[in-house]
Amino acid sequence: MSDDLAGLDATAQAELVREGEASPLELVDAAIERCERVNPEVNAVIHTFFDRAREQAEGELPDGPFRGVPFLIKDLGSGAMAGDPLHMGMRVLKEAGFRMPMDSFLGHRFRDAGLVTIGKTNTPELGIQPTTEPEAYGATRNPWDPGRTAGGSSGGAAAAVATGIVPFAHASDGGGSIRIPSACCGLVGLKTTRQRITQGPLIGDFASGLAIDFAVTRSVRDAATLLDAIKGAAPGDPYVAPQPPRPYVEELVDDSGGLRVGMLTEPVLDLEVDPAVVAPVRETMDALESLGHTVTGEAPPMPDPAAIGLDPRWAFQVRYDAAQAATLTQLGFVLGRELGADDVEPLTWAMASAGWERSSADYLAAVGLHQGTSRMIAAWFDAGHDLLVTPALAELPPPLGTFDQSGPDPLDAFRRGEPMGVFTAIFNITGQPAISLPLAVSDDGIPIGVQIVAPFGREDLLLRVAAQLERAKPWAERRPAVWAGETAREAA
């Protein structure tokens, strides 16, 4: 049964349970067997809860939409429950055997949806890099080409789903960390609107709202159903996203056209964009036009360095550096001592050190600049566009080792990540929802993601159009080189 289940999305697996064709324990046992068999090839899952998962599957599970479906939690931030390992890719936390001090609100919502967590997935240290190669746990390998990155920071989650270990998995995104690995591994990666999903009680709004939590999935319907199940604020959240006009699953059957769609293929930074990732954007525009939408080819205005007197990198770097400094300070409180350079990777220490050295005025100026950028882009949507289509990445997934931080300036590794996040991070800044869809494959069989962006609060538009594209340009039958099921790789 394990091989047969590997190709089913979470909705289909849950249907087997509802119809009495499989039990939750059978689904969980099959996922555990797949994990034990293929995880050594990709290094996606770093903590396992197999015995606990079997006990939960045999017990009374909540009657949620995914009752009995196996699941994985990213080893970073929200989603974990009290007592779970929480190492965030860090040697110092791994050596300390650190564990989640309390339940997360999101973890409860995953349980209420009926999900059974079988383990936790690999992530770069503190989720900083667009690749998953932490010193603490080693590199996660791309199932389509094990010599390439699976992306980051949700690379472990993406590799686990792409191989068929589980049908979907928890992920988070502070600059592209859902969309980047989804693009690398051929998955659906939805970054929700800022604060659509609570991150409490440990997190209010990380780095003033840059980061969100959700999942990586293989199907659009899984993304819509899961979002319906876990969305919404919790007590104490600093602010909330606007409510959708109707349940997200209702968007899946809406074939209406009439949306006005722009296109952006030139990034805000002065970077080369691989023609291989641009061609699918143009093909997607053609597909949207055939589906009854109006494509304009117009792009929103982007910040002009000459006008603000700053490199656009500055504000994002300030906010990210501050986030690492704040995290290390907080971890020092928890561990009972200040952390030093020997406790963390070189890039983490370089960014945290810069964060400690900068002033609070720098931080507020960076947030202010980003708020101005958000208004500029929001005005473009408000003036008549419903969606924007871009490449997900500016390049194909590079080889493992590309983001080496052992050189004289560890920040070179962060800068090398710019082609991976140049089209994604801007929408963490604006807080808008964006989705990466696996709409193409390169000449050598590597997935290519296309990003679609909607106005603030309009995941409904993204999911509606994503479902239309999934029907028009299906990807469900593609299989990577490392696959837990029976079907060999099929590149389409």
Protein backbone atom coordinates (compact mmCIF):
# COMPACT_ATOMS: atom_id res chain seq x y z
CA MET A 1 0.00 0.00 0.00
CA SER A 2 2.89 2.39 0.69
CA ASP A 3 3.84 2.70 -2.98
CA ASP A 4 0.23 3.20 -4.03
CA LEU A 5 -0.28 5.96 -1.45
CA ALA A 6 2.87 7.86 -2.39
CA GLY A 7 1.24 9.40 -5.44
CA LEU A 8 -1.95 10.50 -3.67
CA ASP A 9 -2.40 14.01 -2.35
CA ALA A 10 -3.69 14.58 1.18
CA THR A 11 -7.27 15.06 0.03
CA ALA A 12 -7.26 11.65 -1.66
CA GLN A 13 -5.66 9.96 1.34
CA ALA A 14 -8.25 11.49 3.68
CA GLU A 15 -11.00 10.25 1.36
CA LEU A 16 -9.70 6.69 1.76
CA VAL A 17 -10.15 7.02 5.52
CA ARG A 18 -13.63 8.51 5.24
CA GLU A 19 -14.74 5.72 2.88
CA GLY A 20 -13.27 3.01 5.10
CA GLU A 21 -10.79 1.91 2.44
CA ALA A 22 -7.80 2.62 4.69
CA SER A 23 -7.33 3.33 8.38
CA PRO A 24 -5.30 6.20 9.82
CA LEU A 25 -2.79 3.63 11.09
CA GLU A 26 -2.37 2.19 7.60
CA LEU A 27 -1.67 5.68 6.21
CA VAL A 28 0.81 6.43 8.98
CA ASP A 29 2.57 3.06 8.75
CA ALA A 30 2.92 3.49 5.00
CA ALA A 31 4.42 6.97 5.40
CA ILE A 32 6.86 5.71 8.02
CA GLU A 33 7.94 2.91 5.69
CA ARG A 34 8.48 5.39 2.85
CA CYS A 35 10.44 7.70 5.14
CA GLU A 36 12.73 4.91 6.32
CA ARG A 37 13.32 3.84 2.72
CA VAL A 38 13.99 7.12 0.87
CA ASN A 39 14.91 9.68 3.51
CA PRO A 40 18.56 8.52 3.61
CA GLU A 41 18.80 9.61 -0.05
CA VAL A 42 17.55 13.17 0.53
CA ASN A 43 18.02 13.92 4.27
CA ALA A 44 14.69 15.70 4.55
CA VAL A 45 13.44 14.37 7.92
CA ILE A 46 15.72 14.94 10.92
CA HIS A 47 13.47 14.04 13.89
CA THR A 48 11.03 11.14 13.91
CA PHE A 49 7.97 10.55 16.12
CA PHE A 50 7.03 7.16 14.71
CA ASP A 51 5.85 5.43 17.89
CA ARG A 52 3.84 8.45 19.00
CA ALA A 53 2.31 8.80 15.54
CA ARG A 54 1.19 5.17 15.55
CA GLU A 55 -0.40 5.62 18.98
CA GLN A 56 -2.25 8.73 17.80
CA ALA A 57 -3.40 6.99 14.62
CA GLU A 58 -4.84 4.12 16.65
CA GLY A 59 -6.63 6.50 19.02
CA GLU A 60 -9.46 8.99 18.63
CA LEU A 61 -8.43 11.55 16.04
CA PRO A 62 -10.27 14.84 15.48
CA ASP A 63 -12.75 14.57 12.62
CA GLY A 64 -11.04 17.24 10.52
CA PRO A 65 -10.69 17.35 6.75
CA PHE A 66 -7.41 15.39 6.86
CA ARG A 67 -8.23 12.81 9.52
CA GLY A 68 -5.41 10.25 9.66
CA VAL A 69 -3.19 11.86 7.03
CA PRO A 70 0.56 11.77 7.89
CA PHE A 71 2.30 15.13 8.21
CA LEU A 72 5.67 16.72 8.98
CA ILE A 73 6.54 19.90 10.89
CA LYS A 74 9.42 22.18 9.92
CA ASP A 75 12.05 22.41 12.67
CA LEU A 76 11.75 26.18 12.86
CA GLY A 77 9.30 28.46 14.63
CA SER A 78 5.58 27.79 14.78
CA GLY A 79 3.86 24.46 14.36
CA ALA A 80 5.62 22.43 17.06
CA MET A 81 4.08 21.15 20.27
CA ALA A 82 5.45 21.13 23.81
CA GLY A 83 8.28 18.63 24.21
CA ASP A 84 9.10 18.37 20.51
CA PRO A 85 12.74 18.95 19.53
CA LEU A 86 13.27 22.55 18.40
CA HIS A 87 16.76 23.03 16.99
CA MET A 88 16.23 25.47 14.08
CA GLY A 89 19.25 24.08 12.27
CA MET A 90 21.54 25.13 15.14
CA ARG A 91 24.35 23.02 16.64
CA VAL A 92 24.01 24.80 19.97
CA LEU A 93 20.33 23.81 20.33
CA LYS A 94 20.99 20.30 19.06
CA GLU A 95 23.77 19.80 21.60
CA ALA A 96 21.57 21.22 24.35
CA GLY A 97 18.72 18.89 23.38
CA PHE A 98 16.41 21.91 23.35
CA ARG A 99 12.67 21.26 23.15
CA MET A 100 9.59 23.35 22.44
CA PRO A 101 8.55 24.88 25.78
CA MET A 102 4.83 25.08 24.99
CA ASP A 103 2.22 24.14 22.42
CA SER A 104 1.88 26.39 19.39
CA PHE A 105 -1.55 27.55 18.29
CA LEU A 106 -0.75 26.31 14.79
CA GLY A 107 0.23 22.89 16.10
CA HIS A 108 -3.21 22.58 17.67
CA ARG A 109 -4.85 23.55 14.40
CA PHE A 110 -2.90 20.91 12.50
CA ARG A 111 -4.11 18.35 15.05
CA ASP A 112 -7.68 19.61 14.82
CA ALA A 113 -7.49 19.12 11.05
CA GLY A 114 -6.88 15.42 11.80
CA LEU A 115 -3.21 15.38 10.80
CA VAL A 116 -0.78 12.94 12.41
CA THR A 117 2.76 14.31 12.69
CA ILE A 118 5.43 11.66 12.06
CA GLY A 119 8.50 13.91 12.39
CA LYS A 120 10.22 17.22 11.71
CA THR A 121 12.07 18.45 8.64
CA ASN A 122 15.50 19.91 8.03
CA THR A 123 16.09 23.67 7.76
CA PRO A 124 19.13 25.96 7.44
CA GLU A 125 20.30 27.61 10.64
CA LEU A 126 17.56 30.04 11.70
CA GLY A 127 16.05 29.73 8.23
CA ILE A 128 18.47 32.31 6.85
CA GLN A 129 19.57 30.79 3.55
CA PRO A 130 17.64 29.79 0.39
CA THR A 131 19.25 26.36 0.64
CA THR A 132 19.02 23.69 3.36
CA GLU A 133 22.60 22.80 4.31
CA PRO A 134 22.98 23.31 8.08
CA GLU A 135 26.16 22.22 9.83
CA ALA A 136 24.00 20.63 12.51
CA TYR A 137 22.18 18.16 10.25
CA GLY A 138 23.81 18.23 6.83
CA ALA A 139 22.43 19.02 3.40
CA THR A 140 18.97 18.18 2.13
CA ARG A 141 19.22 16.97 -1.46
CA ASN A 142 16.86 17.79 -4.31
CA PRO A 143 14.86 14.66 -5.27
CA TRP A 144 14.98 15.64 -8.95
CA ASP A 145 18.79 15.90 -8.94
CA PRO A 146 20.49 15.01 -5.63
CA GLY A 147 23.48 17.17 -6.55
CA ARG A 148 21.33 20.30 -6.45
CA THR A 149 19.79 22.27 -3.61
CA ALA A 150 16.22 21.53 -2.55
CA GLY A 151 15.91 25.22 -1.70
CA GLY A 152 15.36 26.80 1.66
CA SER A 153 14.50 27.43 4.23
CA SER A 154 11.71 24.84 3.92
CA GLY A 155 13.96 22.55 1.89
CA GLY A 156 13.44 19.55 4.13
CA ALA A 157 9.68 19.91 3.88
CA ALA A 158 9.79 20.26 0.10
CA ALA A 159 12.08 17.26 -0.39
CA ALA A 160 9.89 15.09 1.86
CA VAL A 161 6.75 15.98 -0.10
CA ALA A 162 8.41 15.73 -3.52
CA THR A 163 9.67 12.21 -2.78
CA GLY A 164 6.22 11.08 -1.67
CA ILE A 165 7.05 10.51 2.01
CA VAL A 166 4.04 12.65 2.99
CA PRO A 167 1.50 14.40 0.75
CA PHE A 168 2.14 17.84 2.26
CA ALA A 169 4.16 19.40 5.09
CA HIS A 170 4.37 22.48 7.28
CA ALA A 171 6.61 25.26 5.96
CA SER A 172 7.32 28.93 6.60
CA ASP A 173 8.35 31.87 4.45
CA GLY A 174 10.27 35.02 5.43
CA GLY A 175 11.76 35.90 2.04
CA GLY A 176 10.66 33.07 -0.20
CA SER A 177 11.17 30.04 2.04
CA ILE A 178 7.96 28.31 0.88
CA ARG A 179 8.05 29.41 -2.77
CA ILE A 180 11.78 28.83 -3.35
CA PRO A 181 11.87 25.15 -2.30
CA SER A 182 8.52 24.56 -4.00
CA ALA A 183 10.00 25.87 -7.23
CA CYS A 184 13.14 23.75 -6.74
CA CYS A 185 11.19 20.56 -6.02
CA GLY A 186 8.15 20.85 -8.29
CA LEU A 187 5.48 21.66 -5.68
CA VAL A 188 2.71 24.13 -4.96
CA GLY A 189 4.00 26.79 -2.57
CA LEU A 190 1.49 29.31 -1.21
CA LYS A 191 2.75 32.23 0.85
CA THR A 192 -0.32 33.55 2.57
CA THR A 193 -1.20 37.14 3.39
CA ARG A 194 0.66 38.55 6.36
CA GLN A 195 -0.94 37.25 9.60
CA ARG A 196 -3.47 35.08 7.77
CA ILE A 197 -2.29 32.29 10.10
CA THR A 198 -1.33 32.87 13.71
CA GLN A 199 2.27 32.30 14.79
CA GLY A 200 1.52 32.49 18.52
CA PRO A 201 2.10 32.17 21.32
CA LEU A 202 5.89 32.40 20.89
CA ILE A 203 5.87 34.68 17.85
CA GLY A 204 3.88 37.85 17.27
CA ASP A 205 5.01 39.02 13.85
CA PHE A 206 8.58 37.95 13.10
CA ALA A 207 10.75 40.86 11.84
CA SER A 208 7.72 43.16 11.81
CA GLY A 209 5.70 40.84 9.61
CA LEU A 210 8.15 39.49 7.03
CA ALA A 211 7.47 35.82 7.85
CA ILE A 212 4.39 33.60 7.61
CA ASP A 213 3.65 29.91 8.30
CA PHE A 214 1.74 27.55 6.04
CA ALA A 215 2.75 24.47 4.00
CA VAL A 216 4.14 23.01 0.80
CA THR A 217 1.69 20.81 -1.12
CA ARG A 218 1.45 18.76 -4.29
CA SER A 219 -2.03 19.94 -5.26
CA VAL A 220 -3.94 23.20 -5.20
CA ARG A 221 -6.91 21.56 -3.52
CA ASP A 222 -4.74 20.51 -0.59
CA ALA A 223 -3.55 24.09 -0.17
CA ALA A 224 -7.11 25.46 -0.24
CA THR A 225 -8.52 22.85 2.16
CA LEU A 226 -5.65 23.20 4.62
CA LEU A 227 -5.89 26.98 4.56
CA ASP A 228 -9.61 26.81 5.34
CA ALA A 229 -8.79 24.56 8.29
CA ILE A 230 -5.99 26.56 9.94
CA LYS A 231 -6.52 30.22 8.99
CA GLY A 232 -7.45 32.93 11.45
CA ALA A 233 -6.16 34.94 14.37
CA ALA A 234 -5.56 33.79 17.93
CA PRO A 235 -5.74 35.73 21.20
CA GLY A 236 -2.96 38.29 21.43
CA ASP A 237 -2.06 38.44 17.74
CA PRO A 238 -0.82 41.96 16.90
CA TYR A 239 -3.14 42.31 13.86
CA VAL A 240 -5.15 40.09 11.54
CA ALA A 241 -5.64 39.54 7.82
CA PRO A 242 -9.02 40.36 6.24
CA GLN A 243 -11.51 37.50 6.03
CA PRO A 244 -11.97 35.77 2.65
CA PRO A 245 -15.28 36.30 0.82
CA ARG A 246 -16.06 32.55 0.91
CA PRO A 247 -14.33 29.26 1.81
CA TYR A 248 -11.19 28.77 -0.25
CA VAL A 249 -12.31 25.34 -1.46
CA GLU A 250 -15.15 27.03 -3.33
CA GLU A 251 -12.57 28.78 -5.52
CA LEU A 252 -11.41 25.41 -6.88
CA VAL A 253 -14.50 25.00 -9.07
CA ASP A 254 -14.74 28.61 -10.25
CA ASP A 255 -13.83 28.68 -13.95
CA SER A 256 -14.65 32.35 -14.43
CA GLY A 257 -12.22 34.55 -16.34
CA GLY A 258 -12.08 38.30 -16.49
CA LEU A 259 -9.09 38.94 -14.24
CA ARG A 260 -6.53 41.49 -15.36
CA VAL A 261 -2.99 40.08 -15.19
CA GLY A 262 0.38 41.85 -15.37
CA MET A 263 3.87 40.40 -15.78
CA LEU A 264 7.26 41.12 -14.21
CA THR A 265 10.44 39.46 -15.49
CA GLU A 266 12.99 42.18 -14.63
CA PRO A 267 13.96 42.07 -10.93
CA VAL A 268 14.38 45.11 -8.72
CA LEU A 269 18.07 44.21 -8.27
CA ASP A 270 20.61 44.32 -11.07
CA LEU A 271 20.78 40.58 -11.65
CA GLU A 272 20.77 38.30 -14.66
CA VAL A 273 17.66 36.19 -15.08
CA ASP A 274 18.04 32.79 -16.73
CA PRO A 275 15.96 32.70 -19.95
CA ALA A 276 14.88 29.18 -18.93
CA VAL A 277 12.77 30.62 -16.10
CA VAL A 278 11.34 33.49 -18.14
CA ALA A 279 9.87 31.37 -20.94
CA PRO A 280 7.38 29.61 -18.60
CA VAL A 281 6.15 33.01 -17.40
CA ARG A 282 5.23 33.97 -20.96
CA GLU A 283 3.65 30.54 -21.50
CA THR A 284 1.61 31.04 -18.34
CA MET A 285 0.39 34.41 -19.61
CA ASP A 286 -0.75 32.69 -22.83
CA ALA A 287 -2.53 30.02 -20.80
CA LEU A 288 -4.28 32.63 -18.67
CA GLU A 289 -5.43 34.45 -21.78
CA SER A 290 -6.86 31.20 -23.16
CA LEU A 291 -8.72 30.78 -19.85
CA GLY A 292 -10.51 34.09 -20.39
CA HIS A 293 -8.30 36.49 -18.46
CA THR A 294 -6.90 39.78 -19.77
CA VAL A 295 -3.11 39.82 -19.91
CA THR A 296 -1.43 43.20 -20.12
CA GLY A 297 2.27 42.50 -19.74
CA GLU A 298 2.45 45.56 -17.48
CA ALA A 299 4.53 45.55 -14.29
CA PRO A 300 4.18 47.50 -11.05
CA PRO A 301 6.72 50.22 -10.27
CA MET A 302 9.67 49.18 -8.16
CA PRO A 303 11.83 51.29 -5.82
CA ASP A 304 14.25 53.58 -7.63
CA PRO A 305 17.65 53.58 -5.86
CA ALA A 306 18.39 57.05 -7.19
CA ALA A 307 15.17 58.42 -5.72
CA ILE A 308 15.72 57.06 -2.22
CA GLY A 309 19.50 57.33 -2.23
CA LEU A 310 19.92 53.71 -1.12
CA ASP A 311 20.60 50.30 -2.58
CA PRO A 312 17.28 48.36 -2.29
CA ARG A 313 19.25 45.63 -0.51
CA TRP A 314 19.89 47.87 2.47
CA ALA A 315 16.46 47.84 4.07
CA PHE A 316 15.98 44.08 3.74
CA GLN A 317 19.46 43.43 5.12
CA VAL A 318 18.78 45.70 8.09
CA ARG A 319 15.57 43.88 8.96
CA TYR A 320 17.08 40.40 8.51
CA ASP A 321 20.17 41.28 10.53
CA ALA A 322 17.98 42.63 13.32
CA ALA A 323 15.93 39.43 13.29
CA GLN A 324 19.01 37.25 13.78
CA ALA A 325 20.35 39.50 16.52
CA ALA A 326 17.00 39.39 18.33
CA THR A 327 16.80 35.60 18.00
CA LEU A 328 20.29 35.02 19.41
CA THR A 329 19.55 37.41 22.26
CA GLN A 330 16.35 35.52 23.08
CA LEU A 331 18.10 32.15 22.86
CA GLY A 332 20.74 33.46 25.25
CA PHE A 333 18.00 34.11 27.81
CA VAL A 334 16.62 30.59 27.32
CA LEU A 335 20.00 28.85 27.52
CA GLY A 336 21.20 30.96 30.44
CA ARG A 337 24.25 32.44 28.74
CA GLU A 338 25.17 34.76 25.92
CA LEU A 339 25.79 33.03 22.60
CA GLY A 340 29.11 33.60 20.85
CA ALA A 341 30.63 33.13 17.43
CA ASP A 342 31.54 29.51 18.17
CA ASP A 343 27.91 28.64 18.88
CA VAL A 344 26.58 29.46 15.42
CA GLU A 345 27.52 29.36 11.75
CA PRO A 346 29.67 32.20 10.34
CA LEU A 347 26.80 33.79 8.39
CA THR A 348 24.50 33.77 11.39
CA TRP A 349 27.14 35.48 13.53
CA ALA A 350 27.95 38.06 10.84
CA MET A 351 24.29 39.01 10.47
CA ALA A 352 23.57 39.08 14.18
CA SER A 353 26.68 41.18 14.82
CA ALA A 354 25.55 43.68 12.21
CA GLY A 355 22.10 43.71 13.80
CA TRP A 356 23.51 44.51 17.22
CA GLU A 357 25.72 47.27 15.80
CA ARG A 358 23.00 49.10 13.88
CA SER A 359 20.76 51.65 15.53
CA SER A 360 17.05 51.45 16.23
CA ALA A 361 16.73 54.40 13.86
CA ASP A 362 18.16 52.26 11.05
CA TYR A 363 15.58 49.59 11.74
CA LEU A 364 12.64 51.99 11.76
CA ALA A 365 13.96 53.65 8.60
CA ALA A 366 14.14 50.24 6.88
CA VAL A 367 10.58 49.38 7.89
CA GLY A 368 9.44 52.80 6.71
CA LEU A 369 11.09 52.34 3.31
CA HIS A 370 9.42 48.98 2.94
CA GLN A 371 6.05 50.45 3.84
CA GLY A 372 6.54 52.99 1.07
CA THR A 373 7.38 50.19 -1.36
CA SER A 374 4.25 48.34 -0.26
CA ARG A 375 2.05 51.34 -0.96
CA MET A 376 3.63 51.82 -4.38
CA ILE A 377 2.91 48.23 -5.42
CA ALA A 378 -0.53 48.16 -3.79
CA ALA A 379 -1.51 51.25 -5.77
CA TRP A 380 -0.66 49.45 -9.03
CA PHE A 381 -3.01 46.60 -8.12
CA ASP A 382 -5.67 49.03 -6.93
CA ALA A 383 -5.49 50.89 -10.23
CA GLY A 384 -6.73 47.92 -12.21
CA HIS A 385 -4.68 44.73 -11.92
CA ASP A 386 -5.84 41.58 -10.15
CA LEU A 387 -2.73 39.42 -10.51
CA LEU A 388 0.96 39.61 -11.32
CA VAL A 389 2.98 36.76 -12.86
CA THR A 390 6.76 36.47 -12.31
CA PRO A 391 9.43 33.78 -12.27
CA ALA A 392 9.65 32.13 -8.87
CA LEU A 393 13.46 32.06 -9.10
CA ALA A 394 15.87 33.93 -11.33
CA GLU A 395 17.86 30.72 -11.89
CA LEU A 396 17.50 26.96 -11.84
CA PRO A 397 18.34 25.27 -8.51
CA PRO A 398 22.14 25.53 -8.17
CA PRO A 399 24.45 22.78 -6.96
CA LEU A 400 24.83 22.03 -3.27
CA GLY A 401 27.76 23.97 -1.85
CA THR A 402 26.96 27.09 -3.87
CA PHE A 403 26.09 29.06 -0.73
CA ASP A 404 29.38 28.40 1.08
CA GLN A 405 29.86 30.74 4.03
CA SER A 406 33.43 29.74 4.93
CA GLY A 407 35.12 32.56 2.98
CA PRO A 408 36.58 35.78 4.39
CA ASP A 409 33.15 37.49 4.25
CA PRO A 410 30.33 35.14 5.29
CA LEU A 411 27.80 37.65 3.97
CA ASP A 412 28.90 36.65 0.46
CA ALA A 413 26.77 33.52 0.98
CA PHE A 414 23.72 35.68 1.72
CA ARG A 415 24.37 37.84 -1.34
CA ARG A 416 24.73 34.73 -3.50
CA GLY A 417 21.17 33.92 -2.54
CA GLU A 418 19.80 37.00 -4.29
CA PRO A 419 18.91 35.21 -7.55
CA MET A 420 16.92 32.69 -5.52
CA GLY A 421 14.87 35.29 -3.65
CA VAL A 422 14.79 38.38 -5.84
CA PHE A 423 11.24 37.73 -7.09
CA THR A 424 9.89 36.36 -3.82
CA ALA A 425 11.19 38.61 -1.01
CA ILE A 426 9.48 41.73 -2.34
CA PHE A 427 6.12 40.17 -1.44
CA ASN A 428 7.21 39.39 2.09
CA ILE A 429 7.87 43.11 2.28
CA THR A 430 4.40 43.99 0.99
CA GLY A 431 2.66 41.20 2.88
CA GLN A 432 0.75 40.11 -0.22
CA PRO A 433 -0.14 36.48 -0.93
CA ALA A 434 1.88 34.74 -3.65
CA ILE A 435 2.00 31.20 -4.96
CA SER A 436 4.64 29.22 -6.86
CA LEU A 437 3.24 26.64 -9.29
CA PRO A 438 5.31 23.89 -10.98
CA LEU A 439 4.20 24.81 -14.48
CA ALA A 440 7.33 23.84 -16.41
CA VAL A 441 10.37 21.57 -16.51
CA SER A 442 13.83 22.48 -17.82
CA ASP A 443 15.52 20.69 -20.69
CA ASP A 444 17.38 18.51 -18.17
CA GLY A 445 14.27 17.65 -16.19
CA ILE A 446 14.43 20.16 -13.33
CA PRO A 447 11.15 21.75 -12.18
CA ILE A 448 10.57 25.44 -12.90
CA GLY A 449 8.21 27.43 -10.72
CA VAL A 450 6.07 30.35 -11.86
CA GLN A 451 4.97 32.83 -9.19
CA ILE A 452 1.56 34.49 -9.18
CA VAL A 453 0.87 37.39 -6.82
CA ALA A 454 -2.49 38.83 -5.71
CA PRO A 455 -3.50 41.95 -3.76
CA PHE A 456 -3.31 41.91 0.03
CA GLY A 457 -5.85 39.48 1.45
CA ARG A 458 -6.80 37.86 -1.88
CA GLU A 459 -5.64 34.26 -1.62
CA ASP A 460 -9.03 33.45 -3.13
CA LEU A 461 -7.90 34.82 -6.49
CA LEU A 462 -4.62 32.91 -6.33
CA LEU A 463 -6.28 29.60 -5.53
CA ARG A 464 -8.97 30.09 -8.18
CA VAL A 465 -6.46 30.76 -10.94
CA ALA A 466 -4.02 28.13 -9.65
CA ALA A 467 -6.77 25.50 -9.88
CA GLN A 468 -7.55 26.62 -13.43
CA LEU A 469 -3.89 26.32 -14.41
CA GLU A 470 -3.57 22.95 -12.67
CA ARG A 471 -6.38 21.63 -14.88
CA ALA A 472 -4.94 23.24 -18.01
CA LYS A 473 -1.29 22.31 -17.40
CA PRO A 474 -1.35 19.34 -14.95
CA TRP A 475 1.77 18.30 -13.07
CA ALA A 476 0.52 15.54 -10.76
CA GLU A 477 2.03 12.65 -12.74
CA ARG A 478 5.60 13.98 -12.80
CA ARG A 479 8.00 11.97 -10.65
CA PRO A 480 11.48 12.88 -9.40
CA ALA A 481 14.55 10.65 -9.57
CA VAL A 482 14.18 9.87 -5.85
CA TRP A 483 10.60 8.70 -5.42
CA ALA A 484 8.99 6.55 -2.74
CA GLY A 485 6.37 5.06 -5.06
CA GLU A 486 6.53 2.67 -7.98
CA THR A 487 6.32 5.01 -10.96
CA ALA A 488 9.63 6.03 -12.48
CA ARG A 489 10.43 9.65 -13.19
CA GLU A 490 8.31 11.22 -15.89
CA ALA A 491 9.37 14.67 -17.03
CA ALA A 492 6.69 16.59 -18.88
